Amino acid sequence: MIRVTFHKKDHELVSFEMTGHAGFGEYGEDIVCAGVSALAITTVNSIEKLAGYQPIVDVDEVEGGYLYFEVVRDVTKVQAQTTQILLNSLLLGLEGIQEEYPNYLTIQVD
């Protein structure tokens, strides 16, 4: 199962952590994993390009199944707004996957 935990501070999303593997299908054929991965990677890349800063990111490139993202503290107001739009879009997309595949993805917002 993939577990995603979002953290909020002052009502804004400031970080998320994804752990685990969906286990819906075989490696390379797991549509839950593919969907979650595509959303997460697109979000991180979009924040880098559209918000224009390098967030704190940690991944397990050997075993897979782990991604940590954190907003840096010294962003401008426009960068923060762009980041919030993209992170909330990620959350909405993940909630859509969770509705269809509740046994393979859990989401928590702290």
PDB file of N, CA and C in Angstrom:
ATOM      1  N   MET A   1       0.838  -1.181   0.000  1.00  0.00           N
ATOM      2  CA  MET A   1       0.000   0.000   0.000  1.00  0.00           C
ATOM      3  C   MET A   1       0.882   1.243   0.000  1.00  0.00           C
ATOM      4  N   ILE A   2       0.448   2.256  -0.754  1.00  0.00           N
ATOM      5  CA  ILE A   2       1.132   3.544  -0.746  1.00  0.00           C
ATOM      6  C   ILE A   2       0.484   4.406   0.326  1.00  0.00           C
ATOM      7  N   ARG A   3       1.324   5.007   1.149  1.00  0.00           N
ATOM      8  CA  ARG A   3       0.843   5.920   2.189  1.00  0.00           C
ATOM      9  C   ARG A   3       1.397   7.310   1.900  1.00  0.00           C
ATOM     10  N   VAL A   4       0.500   8.287   1.880  1.00  0.00           N
ATOM     11  CA  VAL A   4       0.910   9.668   1.634  1.00  0.00           C
ATOM     12  C   VAL A   4       0.473  10.507   2.827  1.00  0.00           C
ATOM     13  N   THR A   5       1.411  11.232   3.389  1.00  0.00           N
ATOM     14  CA  THR A   5       1.111  12.127   4.499  1.00  0.00           C
ATOM     15  C   THR A   5       1.491  13.544   4.097  1.00  0.00           C
ATOM     16  N   PHE A   6       0.499  14.423   4.123  1.00  0.00           N
ATOM     17  CA  PHE A   6       0.714  15.847   3.880  1.00  0.00           C
ATOM     18  C   PHE A   6       0.774  16.550   5.226  1.00  0.00           C
ATOM     19  N   HIS A   7       1.645  17.532   5.330  1.00  0.00           N
ATOM     20  CA  HIS A   7       1.748  18.328   6.553  1.00  0.00           C
ATOM     21  C   HIS A   7       1.388  19.775   6.239  1.00  0.00           C
ATOM     22  N   LYS A   8       0.590  20.354   7.136  1.00  0.00           N
ATOM     23  CA  LYS A   8       0.180  21.750   6.993  1.00  0.00           C
ATOM     24  C   LYS A   8       0.784  22.594   8.108  1.00  0.00           C
ATOM     25  N   LYS A   9       1.011  23.855   7.781  1.00  0.00           N
ATOM     26  CA  LYS A   9       1.417  24.845   8.776  1.00  0.00           C
ATOM     27  C   LYS A   9       0.677  26.128   8.426  1.00  0.00           C
ATOM     28  N   ASP A  10      -0.026  26.673   9.382  1.00  0.00           N
ATOM     29  CA  ASP A  10      -0.825  27.885   9.150  1.00  0.00           C
ATOM     30  C   ASP A  10      -1.772  27.710   7.960  1.00  0.00           C
ATOM     31  N   HIS A  11      -2.406  26.558   7.882  1.00  0.00           N
ATOM     32  CA  HIS A  11      -3.408  26.224   6.865  1.00  0.00           C
ATOM     33  C   HIS A  11      -2.835  26.063   5.454  1.00  0.00           C
ATOM     34  N   GLU A  12      -1.530  25.964   5.320  1.00  0.00           N
ATOM     35  CA  GLU A  12      -0.915  25.759   4.014  1.00  0.00           C
ATOM     36  C   GLU A  12      -0.132  24.453   4.016  1.00  0.00           C
ATOM     37  N   LEU A  13      -0.181  23.753   2.885  1.00  0.00           N
ATOM     38  CA  LEU A  13       0.597  22.527   2.741  1.00  0.00           C
ATOM     39  C   LEU A  13       2.072  22.892   2.656  1.00  0.00           C
ATOM     40  N   VAL A  14       2.887  22.262   3.495  1.00  0.00           N
ATOM     41  CA  VAL A  14       4.316  22.590   3.524  1.00  0.00           C
ATOM     42  C   VAL A  14       5.217  21.405   3.178  1.00  0.00           C
ATOM     43  N   SER A  15       4.667  20.183   3.251  1.00  0.00           N
ATOM     44  CA  SER A  15       5.466  19.016   2.893  1.00  0.00           C
ATOM     45  C   SER A  15       4.555  17.820   2.662  1.00  0.00           C
ATOM     46  N   PHE A  16       5.121  16.815   1.990  1.00  0.00           N
ATOM     47  CA  PHE A  16       4.439  15.528   1.901  1.00  0.00           C
ATOM     48  C   PHE A  16       5.482  14.427   1.839  1.00  0.00           C
ATOM     49  N   GLU A  17       5.059  13.242   2.269  1.00  0.00           N
ATOM     50  CA  GLU A  17       5.913  12.059   2.241  1.00  0.00           C
ATOM     51  C   GLU A  17       5.102  10.903   1.685  1.00  0.00           C
ATOM     52  N   MET A  18       5.666  10.222   0.692  1.00  0.00           N
ATOM     53  CA  MET A  18       5.042   9.035   0.104  1.00  0.00           C
ATOM     54  C   MET A  18       5.921   7.840   0.418  1.00  0.00           C
ATOM     55  N   THR A  19       5.296   6.774   0.914  1.00  0.00           N
ATOM     56  CA  THR A  19       6.045   5.561   1.211  1.00  0.00           C
ATOM     57  C   THR A  19       5.272   4.346   0.729  1.00  0.00           C
ATOM     58  N   GLY A  20       6.003   3.300   0.420  1.00  0.00           N
ATOM     59  CA  GLY A  20       5.388   2.024   0.093  1.00  0.00           C
ATOM     60  C   GLY A  20       5.166   1.803  -1.389  1.00  0.00           C
ATOM     61  N   HIS A  21       4.609   0.646  -1.667  1.00  0.00           N
ATOM     62  CA  HIS A  21       4.285   0.232  -3.029  1.00  0.00           C
ATOM     63  C   HIS A  21       2.817  -0.165  -3.056  1.00  0.00           C
ATOM     64  N   ALA A  22       2.148   0.143  -4.149  1.00  0.00           N
ATOM     65  CA  ALA A  22       0.706  -0.116  -4.232  1.00  0.00           C
ATOM     66  C   ALA A  22       0.395  -1.609  -4.166  1.00  0.00           C
ATOM     67  N   GLY A  23       1.121  -2.409  -4.924  1.00  0.00           N
ATOM     68  CA  GLY A  23       0.841  -3.841  -4.945  1.00  0.00           C
ATOM     69  C   GLY A  23      -0.403  -4.203  -5.730  1.00  0.00           C
ATOM     70  N   PHE A  24      -0.863  -3.300  -6.588  1.00  0.00           N
ATOM     71  CA  PHE A  24      -2.058  -3.562  -7.394  1.00  0.00           C
ATOM     72  C   PHE A  24      -1.753  -4.519  -8.543  1.00  0.00           C
ATOM     73  N   GLY A  25      -0.567  -4.379  -9.116  1.00  0.00           N
ATOM     74  CA  GLY A  25      -0.188  -5.216 -10.250  1.00  0.00           C
ATOM     75  C   GLY A  25       1.300  -5.509 -10.210  1.00  0.00           C
ATOM     76  N   GLU A  26       1.745  -6.247 -11.201  1.00  0.00           N
ATOM     77  CA  GLU A  26       3.165  -6.581 -11.314  1.00  0.00           C
ATOM     78  C   GLU A  26       3.982  -5.322 -11.587  1.00  0.00           C
ATOM     79  N   TYR A  27       5.269  -5.386 -11.254  1.00  0.00           N
ATOM     80  CA  TYR A  27       6.166  -4.270 -11.514  1.00  0.00           C
ATOM     81  C   TYR A  27       6.088  -3.894 -12.995  1.00  0.00           C
ATOM     82  N   GLY A  28       5.910  -2.620 -13.256  1.00  0.00           N
ATOM     83  CA  GLY A  28       5.793  -2.145 -14.630  1.00  0.00           C
ATOM     84  C   GLY A  28       4.380  -2.174 -15.174  1.00  0.00           C
ATOM     85  N   GLU A  29       3.457  -2.804 -14.445  1.00  0.00           N
ATOM     86  CA  GLU A  29       2.069  -2.905 -14.888  1.00  0.00           C
ATOM     87  C   GLU A  29       1.091  -2.418 -13.820  1.00  0.00           C
ATOM     88  N   ASP A  30       1.598  -1.787 -12.786  1.00  0.00           N
ATOM     89  CA  ASP A  30       0.780  -1.350 -11.655  1.00  0.00           C
ATOM     90  C   ASP A  30       0.229   0.045 -11.937  1.00  0.00           C
ATOM     91  N   ILE A  31      -1.055   0.130 -12.299  1.00  0.00           N
ATOM     92  CA  ILE A  31      -1.634   1.419 -12.680  1.00  0.00           C
ATOM     93  C   ILE A  31      -1.785   2.370 -11.495  1.00  0.00           C
ATOM     94  N   VAL A  32      -1.955   1.840 -10.300  1.00  0.00           N
ATOM     95  CA  VAL A  32      -2.045   2.709  -9.123  1.00  0.00           C
ATOM     96  C   VAL A  32      -0.688   3.368  -8.883  1.00  0.00           C
ATOM     97  N   CYS A  33       0.352   2.584  -8.909  1.00  0.00           N
ATOM     98  CA  CYS A  33       1.707   3.113  -8.738  1.00  0.00           C
ATOM     99  C   CYS A  33       2.023   4.130  -9.834  1.00  0.00           C
ATOM    100  N   ALA A  34       1.681   3.805 -11.063  1.00  0.00           N
ATOM    101  CA  ALA A  34       1.961   4.704 -12.181  1.00  0.00           C
ATOM    102  C   ALA A  34       1.233   6.033 -12.018  1.00  0.00           C
ATOM    103  N   GLY A  35      -0.027   5.980 -11.618  1.00  0.00           N
ATOM    104  CA  GLY A  35      -0.800   7.204 -11.436  1.00  0.00           C
ATOM    105  C   GLY A  35      -0.257   8.069 -10.319  1.00  0.00           C
ATOM    106  N   VAL A  36       0.020   7.449  -9.184  1.00  0.00           N
ATOM    107  CA  VAL A  36       0.557   8.184  -8.034  1.00  0.00           C
ATOM    108  C   VAL A  36       1.926   8.770  -8.379  1.00  0.00           C
ATOM    109  N   SER A  37       2.769   7.976  -9.007  1.00  0.00           N
ATOM    110  CA  SER A  37       4.108   8.442  -9.375  1.00  0.00           C
ATOM    111  C   SER A  37       4.044   9.599 -10.362  1.00  0.00           C
ATOM    112  N   ALA A  38       3.187   9.477 -11.366  1.00  0.00           N
ATOM    113  CA  ALA A  38       3.064  10.544 -12.364  1.00  0.00           C
ATOM    114  C   ALA A  38       2.613  11.850 -11.723  1.00  0.00           C
ATOM    115  N   LEU A  39       1.630  11.772 -10.840  1.00  0.00           N
ATOM    116  CA  LEU A  39       1.163  12.984 -10.160  1.00  0.00           C
ATOM    117  C   LEU A  39       2.265  13.609  -9.310  1.00  0.00           C
ATOM    118  N   ALA A  40       2.964  12.785  -8.545  1.00  0.00           N
ATOM    119  CA  ALA A  40       3.999  13.300  -7.641  1.00  0.00           C
ATOM    120  C   ALA A  40       5.168  13.907  -8.408  1.00  0.00           C
ATOM    121  N   ILE A  41       5.658  13.205  -9.410  1.00  0.00           N
ATOM    122  CA  ILE A  41       6.802  13.698 -10.179  1.00  0.00           C
ATOM    123  C   ILE A  41       6.437  14.970 -10.927  1.00  0.00           C
ATOM    124  N   THR A  42       5.248  14.999 -11.514  1.00  0.00           N
ATOM    125  CA  THR A  42       4.800  16.199 -12.219  1.00  0.00           C
ATOM    126  C   THR A  42       4.684  17.380 -11.265  1.00  0.00           C
ATOM    127  N   THR A  43       4.183  17.143 -10.065  1.00  0.00           N
ATOM    128  CA  THR A  43       4.057  18.222  -9.084  1.00  0.00           C
ATOM    129  C   THR A  43       5.418  18.784  -8.700  1.00  0.00           C
ATOM    130  N   VAL A  44       6.350  17.923  -8.377  1.00  0.00           N
ATOM    131  CA  VAL A  44       7.688  18.384  -7.984  1.00  0.00           C
ATOM    132  C   VAL A  44       8.351  19.138  -9.136  1.00  0.00           C
ATOM    133  N   ASN A  45       8.295  18.575 -10.347  1.00  0.00           N
ATOM    134  CA  ASN A  45       8.895  19.240 -11.502  1.00  0.00           C
ATOM    135  C   ASN A  45       8.214  20.570 -11.803  1.00  0.00           C
ATOM    136  N   SER A  46       6.899  20.624 -11.652  1.00  0.00           N
ATOM    137  CA  SER A  46       6.155  21.860 -11.903  1.00  0.00           C
ATOM    138  C   SER A  46       6.513  22.941 -10.895  1.00  0.00           C
ATOM    139  N   ILE A  47       6.677  22.561  -9.652  1.00  0.00           N
ATOM    140  CA  ILE A  47       7.077  23.546  -8.643  1.00  0.00           C
ATOM    141  C   ILE A  47       8.460  24.108  -8.975  1.00  0.00           C
ATOM    142  N   GLU A  48       9.370  23.233  -9.376  1.00  0.00           N
ATOM    143  CA  GLU A  48      10.705  23.701  -9.744  1.00  0.00           C
ATOM    144  C   GLU A  48      10.647  24.678 -10.915  1.00  0.00           C
ATOM    145  N   LYS A  49       9.877  24.351 -11.946  1.00  0.00           N
ATOM    146  CA  LYS A  49       9.831  25.171 -13.164  1.00  0.00           C
ATOM    147  C   LYS A  49       8.900  26.370 -13.041  1.00  0.00           C
ATOM    148  N   LEU A  50       7.698  26.167 -12.515  1.00  0.00           N
ATOM    149  CA  LEU A  50       6.694  27.230 -12.504  1.00  0.00           C
ATOM    150  C   LEU A  50       6.817  28.161 -11.304  1.00  0.00           C
ATOM    151  N   ALA A  51       7.178  27.611 -10.149  1.00  0.00           N
ATOM    152  CA  ALA A  51       7.385  28.465  -8.978  1.00  0.00           C
ATOM    153  C   ALA A  51       8.806  29.023  -8.965  1.00  0.00           C
ATOM    154  N   GLY A  52       9.705  28.340  -9.660  1.00  0.00           N
ATOM    155  CA  GLY A  52      11.046  28.870  -9.851  1.00  0.00           C
ATOM    156  C   GLY A  52      11.996  28.742  -8.679  1.00  0.00           C
ATOM    157  N   TYR A  53      11.883  27.659  -7.938  1.00  0.00           N
ATOM    158  CA  TYR A  53      12.847  27.420  -6.860  1.00  0.00           C
ATOM    159  C   TYR A  53      13.049  25.919  -6.689  1.00  0.00           C
ATOM    160  N   GLN A  54      14.111  25.568  -5.987  1.00  0.00           N
ATOM    161  CA  GLN A  54      14.441  24.171  -5.730  1.00  0.00           C
ATOM    162  C   GLN A  54      13.924  23.775  -4.351  1.00  0.00           C
ATOM    163  N   PRO A  55      12.850  22.972  -4.288  1.00  0.00           N
ATOM    164  CA  PRO A  55      12.359  22.516  -2.990  1.00  0.00           C
ATOM    165  C   PRO A  55      13.294  21.454  -2.410  1.00  0.00           C
ATOM    166  N   ILE A  56      13.063  21.108  -1.162  1.00  0.00           N
ATOM    167  CA  ILE A  56      13.795  20.014  -0.524  1.00  0.00           C
ATOM    168  C   ILE A  56      13.129  18.713  -0.961  1.00  0.00           C
ATOM    169  N   VAL A  57      13.884  17.841  -1.599  1.00  0.00           N
ATOM    170  CA  VAL A  57      13.344  16.584  -2.116  1.00  0.00           C
ATOM    171  C   VAL A  57      14.300  15.456  -1.760  1.00  0.00           C
ATOM    172  N   ASP A  58      13.730  14.346  -1.312  1.00  0.00           N
ATOM    173  CA  ASP A  58      14.513  13.147  -1.025  1.00  0.00           C
ATOM    174  C   ASP A  58      13.772  11.959  -1.620  1.00  0.00           C
ATOM    175  N   VAL A  59      14.486  11.125  -2.356  1.00  0.00           N
ATOM    176  CA  VAL A  59      13.885   9.927  -2.946  1.00  0.00           C
ATOM    177  C   VAL A  59      14.801   8.733  -2.711  1.00  0.00           C
ATOM    178  N   ASP A  60      14.207   7.561  -2.712  1.00  0.00           N
ATOM    179  CA  ASP A  60      14.983   6.322  -2.661  1.00  0.00           C
ATOM    180  C   ASP A  60      15.058   5.799  -4.089  1.00  0.00           C
ATOM    181  N   GLU A  61      16.151   6.112  -4.763  1.00  0.00           N
ATOM    182  CA  GLU A  61      16.289   5.724  -6.162  1.00  0.00           C
ATOM    183  C   GLU A  61      16.681   4.262  -6.330  1.00  0.00           C
ATOM    184  N   VAL A  62      17.127   3.615  -5.267  1.00  0.00           N
ATOM    185  CA  VAL A  62      17.529   2.211  -5.354  1.00  0.00           C
ATOM    186  C   VAL A  62      16.322   1.294  -5.173  1.00  0.00           C
ATOM    187  N   GLU A  63      15.645   1.416  -4.052  1.00  0.00           N
ATOM    188  CA  GLU A  63      14.503   0.551  -3.745  1.00  0.00           C
ATOM    189  C   GLU A  63      13.182   1.114  -4.253  1.00  0.00           C
ATOM    190  N   GLY A  64      13.141   2.417  -4.462  1.00  0.00           N
ATOM    191  CA  GLY A  64      11.881   3.059  -4.838  1.00  0.00           C
ATOM    192  C   GLY A  64      10.944   3.109  -3.646  1.00  0.00           C
ATOM    193  N   GLY A  65       9.743   3.577  -3.882  1.00  0.00           N
ATOM    194  CA  GLY A  65       8.742   3.569  -2.822  1.00  0.00           C
ATOM    195  C   GLY A  65       8.913   4.630  -1.763  1.00  0.00           C
ATOM    196  N   TYR A  66       9.712   5.676  -2.056  1.00  0.00           N
ATOM    197  CA  TYR A  66       9.866   6.742  -1.072  1.00  0.00           C
ATOM    198  C   TYR A  66      10.104   8.071  -1.772  1.00  0.00           C
ATOM    199  N   LEU A  67       9.317   9.077  -1.378  1.00  0.00           N
ATOM    200  CA  LEU A  67       9.502  10.449  -1.852  1.00  0.00           C
ATOM    201  C   LEU A  67       9.133  11.398  -0.724  1.00  0.00           C
ATOM    202  N   TYR A  68      10.032  12.327  -0.447  1.00  0.00           N
ATOM    203  CA  TYR A  68       9.765  13.372   0.538  1.00  0.00           C
ATOM    204  C   TYR A  68       9.927  14.711  -0.157  1.00  0.00           C
ATOM    205  N   PHE A  69       8.989  15.623   0.086  1.00  0.00           N
ATOM    206  CA  PHE A  69       9.012  16.960  -0.496  1.00  0.00           C
ATOM    207  C   PHE A  69       8.748  17.977   0.603  1.00  0.00           C
ATOM    208  N   GLU A  70       9.500  19.074   0.575  1.00  0.00           N
ATOM    209  CA  GLU A  70       9.268  20.146   1.542  1.00  0.00           C
ATOM    210  C   GLU A  70       9.501  21.500   0.876  1.00  0.00           C
ATOM    211  N   VAL A  71       8.613  22.430   1.155  1.00  0.00           N
ATOM    212  CA  VAL A  71       8.751  23.796   0.667  1.00  0.00           C
ATOM    213  C   VAL A  71       9.894  24.463   1.429  1.00  0.00           C
ATOM    214  N   VAL A  72      10.749  25.182   0.717  1.00  0.00           N
ATOM    215  CA  VAL A  72      11.808  25.928   1.404  1.00  0.00           C
ATOM    216  C   VAL A  72      11.198  27.174   2.047  1.00  0.00           C
ATOM    217  N   ARG A  73      11.879  27.709   3.040  1.00  0.00           N
ATOM    218  CA  ARG A  73      11.307  28.796   3.844  1.00  0.00           C
ATOM    219  C   ARG A  73      11.359  30.169   3.181  1.00  0.00           C
ATOM    220  N   ASP A  74      12.313  30.398   2.323  1.00  0.00           N
ATOM    221  CA  ASP A  74      12.505  31.752   1.796  1.00  0.00           C
ATOM    222  C   ASP A  74      11.905  31.956   0.403  1.00  0.00           C
ATOM    223  N   VAL A  75      10.663  31.526   0.219  1.00  0.00           N
ATOM    224  CA  VAL A  75       9.997  31.727  -1.068  1.00  0.00           C
ATOM    225  C   VAL A  75       9.229  33.046  -1.055  1.00  0.00           C
ATOM    226  N   THR A  76       9.041  33.603  -2.242  1.00  0.00           N
ATOM    227  CA  THR A  76       8.259  34.830  -2.361  1.00  0.00           C
ATOM    228  C   THR A  76       6.772  34.504  -2.246  1.00  0.00           C
ATOM    229  N   LYS A  77       5.960  35.528  -2.154  1.00  0.00           N
ATOM    230  CA  LYS A  77       4.511  35.336  -2.064  1.00  0.00           C
ATOM    231  C   LYS A  77       3.983  34.640  -3.313  1.00  0.00           C
ATOM    232  N   VAL A  78       4.458  35.031  -4.474  1.00  0.00           N
ATOM    233  CA  VAL A  78       4.015  34.411  -5.729  1.00  0.00           C
ATOM    234  C   VAL A  78       4.461  32.952  -5.787  1.00  0.00           C
ATOM    235  N   GLN A  79       5.690  32.672  -5.382  1.00  0.00           N
ATOM    236  CA  GLN A  79       6.168  31.287  -5.349  1.00  0.00           C
ATOM    237  C   GLN A  79       5.333  30.452  -4.389  1.00  0.00           C
ATOM    238  N   ALA A  80       4.995  31.015  -3.242  1.00  0.00           N
ATOM    239  CA  ALA A  80       4.176  30.296  -2.259  1.00  0.00           C
ATOM    240  C   ALA A  80       2.783  30.015  -2.810  1.00  0.00           C
ATOM    241  N   GLN A  81       2.192  30.982  -3.488  1.00  0.00           N
ATOM    242  CA  GLN A  81       0.859  30.787  -4.067  1.00  0.00           C
ATOM    243  C   GLN A  81       0.883  29.710  -5.148  1.00  0.00           C
ATOM    244  N   THR A  82       1.875  29.769  -6.008  1.00  0.00           N
ATOM    245  CA  THR A  82       2.012  28.762  -7.064  1.00  0.00           C
ATOM    246  C   THR A  82       2.191  27.377  -6.456  1.00  0.00           C
ATOM    247  N   THR A  83       3.015  27.291  -5.440  1.00  0.00           N
ATOM    248  CA  THR A  83       3.257  26.021  -4.761  1.00  0.00           C
ATOM    249  C   THR A  83       1.975  25.473  -4.151  1.00  0.00           C
ATOM    250  N   GLN A  84       1.185  26.319  -3.512  1.00  0.00           N
ATOM    251  CA  GLN A  84      -0.063  25.863  -2.899  1.00  0.00           C
ATOM    252  C   GLN A  84      -1.040  25.335  -3.941  1.00  0.00           C
ATOM    253  N   ILE A  85      -1.138  26.005  -5.066  1.00  0.00           N
ATOM    254  CA  ILE A  85      -2.016  25.528  -6.142  1.00  0.00           C
ATOM    255  C   ILE A  85      -1.577  24.143  -6.597  1.00  0.00           C
ATOM    256  N   LEU A  86      -0.287  23.971  -6.807  1.00  0.00           N
ATOM    257  CA  LEU A  86       0.220  22.687  -7.296  1.00  0.00           C
ATOM    258  C   LEU A  86       0.098  21.583  -6.250  1.00  0.00           C
ATOM    259  N   LEU A  87       0.390  21.879  -4.996  1.00  0.00           N
ATOM    260  CA  LEU A  87       0.262  20.860  -3.950  1.00  0.00           C
ATOM    261  C   LEU A  87      -1.196  20.471  -3.722  1.00  0.00           C
ATOM    262  N   ASN A  88      -2.102  21.430  -3.776  1.00  0.00           N
ATOM    263  CA  ASN A  88      -3.521  21.104  -3.634  1.00  0.00           C
ATOM    264  C   ASN A  88      -4.032  20.318  -4.830  1.00  0.00           C
ATOM    265  N   SER A  89      -3.491  20.586  -6.006  1.00  0.00           N
ATOM    266  CA  SER A  89      -3.833  19.798  -7.187  1.00  0.00           C
ATOM    267  C   SER A  89      -3.359  18.356  -7.021  1.00  0.00           C
ATOM    268  N   LEU A  90      -2.155  18.174  -6.489  1.00  0.00           N
ATOM    269  CA  LEU A  90      -1.651  16.831  -6.193  1.00  0.00           C
ATOM    270  C   LEU A  90      -2.582  16.119  -5.226  1.00  0.00           C
ATOM    271  N   LEU A  91      -2.959  16.790  -4.159  1.00  0.00           N
ATOM    272  CA  LEU A  91      -3.849  16.187  -3.168  1.00  0.00           C
ATOM    273  C   LEU A  91      -5.176  15.777  -3.803  1.00  0.00           C
ATOM    274  N   LEU A  92      -5.754  16.635  -4.621  1.00  0.00           N
ATOM    275  CA  LEU A  92      -7.015  16.299  -5.299  1.00  0.00           C
ATOM    276  C   LEU A  92      -6.857  15.086  -6.213  1.00  0.00           C
ATOM    277  N   GLY A  93      -5.765  15.057  -6.971  1.00  0.00           N
ATOM    278  CA  GLY A  93      -5.518  13.924  -7.855  1.00  0.00           C
ATOM    279  C   GLY A  93      -5.356  12.623  -7.094  1.00  0.00           C
ATOM    280  N   LEU A  94      -4.613  12.675  -6.001  1.00  0.00           N
ATOM    281  CA  LEU A  94      -4.424  11.476  -5.178  1.00  0.00           C
ATOM    282  C   LEU A  94      -5.737  11.024  -4.549  1.00  0.00           C
ATOM    283  N   GLU A  95      -6.563  11.974  -4.112  1.00  0.00           N
ATOM    284  CA  GLU A  95      -7.862  11.606  -3.545  1.00  0.00           C
ATOM    285  C   GLU A  95      -8.735  10.911  -4.581  1.00  0.00           C
ATOM    286  N   GLY A  96      -8.625  11.319  -5.834  1.00  0.00           N
ATOM    287  CA  GLY A  96      -9.361  10.645  -6.899  1.00  0.00           C
ATOM    288  C   GLY A  96      -8.914   9.202  -7.071  1.00  0.00           C
ATOM    289  N   ILE A  97      -7.613   8.970  -7.023  1.00  0.00           N
ATOM    290  CA  ILE A  97      -7.099   7.599  -7.110  1.00  0.00           C
ATOM    291  C   ILE A  97      -7.537   6.801  -5.892  1.00  0.00           C
ATOM    292  N   GLN A  98      -7.480   7.412  -4.722  1.00  0.00           N
ATOM    293  CA  GLN A  98      -7.875   6.719  -3.495  1.00  0.00           C
ATOM    294  C   GLN A  98      -9.344   6.300  -3.542  1.00  0.00           C
ATOM    295  N   GLU A  99     -10.194   7.121  -4.115  1.00  0.00           N
ATOM    296  CA  GLU A  99     -11.617   6.764  -4.228  1.00  0.00           C
ATOM    297  C   GLU A  99     -11.808   5.503  -5.057  1.00  0.00           C
ATOM    298  N   GLU A 100     -11.033   5.361  -6.113  1.00  0.00           N
ATOM    299  CA  GLU A 100     -11.152   4.200  -6.999  1.00  0.00           C
ATOM    300  C   GLU A 100     -10.417   2.972  -6.471  1.00  0.00           C
ATOM    301  N   TYR A 101      -9.336   3.189  -5.747  1.00  0.00           N
ATOM    302  CA  TYR A 101      -8.480   2.090  -5.281  1.00  0.00           C
ATOM    303  C   TYR A 101      -8.164   2.253  -3.793  1.00  0.00           C
ATOM    304  N   PRO A 102      -9.170   2.207  -2.928  1.00  0.00           N
ATOM    305  CA  PRO A 102      -8.951   2.483  -1.501  1.00  0.00           C
ATOM    306  C   PRO A 102      -8.063   1.469  -0.787  1.00  0.00           C
ATOM    307  N   ASN A 103      -7.918   0.282  -1.326  1.00  0.00           N
ATOM    308  CA  ASN A 103      -7.081  -0.733  -0.688  1.00  0.00           C
ATOM    309  C   ASN A 103      -5.602  -0.590  -1.031  1.00  0.00           C
ATOM    310  N   TYR A 104      -5.279   0.383  -1.888  1.00  0.00           N
ATOM    311  CA  TYR A 104      -3.907   0.504  -2.368  1.00  0.00           C
ATOM    312  C   TYR A 104      -3.268   1.859  -2.083  1.00  0.00           C
ATOM    313  N   LEU A 105      -4.063   2.813  -1.578  1.00  0.00           N
ATOM    314  CA  LEU A 105      -3.556   4.155  -1.316  1.00  0.00           C
ATOM    315  C   LEU A 105      -4.280   4.767  -0.125  1.00  0.00           C
ATOM    316  N   THR A 106      -3.508   5.256   0.844  1.00  0.00           N
ATOM    317  CA  THR A 106      -4.095   6.007   1.959  1.00  0.00           C
ATOM    318  C   THR A 106      -3.465   7.397   1.989  1.00  0.00           C
ATOM    319  N   ILE A 107      -4.279   8.364   2.362  1.00  0.00           N
ATOM    320  CA  ILE A 107      -3.834   9.754   2.423  1.00  0.00           C
ATOM    321  C   ILE A 107      -4.185  10.306   3.797  1.00  0.00           C
ATOM    322  N   GLN A 108      -3.240  11.004   4.375  1.00  0.00           N
ATOM    323  CA  GLN A 108      -3.459  11.656   5.662  1.00  0.00           C
ATOM    324  C   GLN A 108      -2.986  13.103   5.537  1.00  0.00           C
ATOM    325  N   VAL A 109      -3.752  14.022   6.102  1.00  0.00           N
ATOM    326  CA  VAL A 109      -3.358  15.432   6.126  1.00  0.00           C
ATOM    327  C   VAL A 109      -3.279  15.861   7.584  1.00  0.00           C
ATOM    328  N   ASP A 110      -2.088  16.232   8.012  1.00  0.00           N
ATOM    329  CA  ASP A 110      -1.860  16.671   9.397  1.00  0.00           C
ATOM    330  C   ASP A 110      -1.743  18.182   9.454  1.00  0.00           C
TER     331      ASP A 110
END
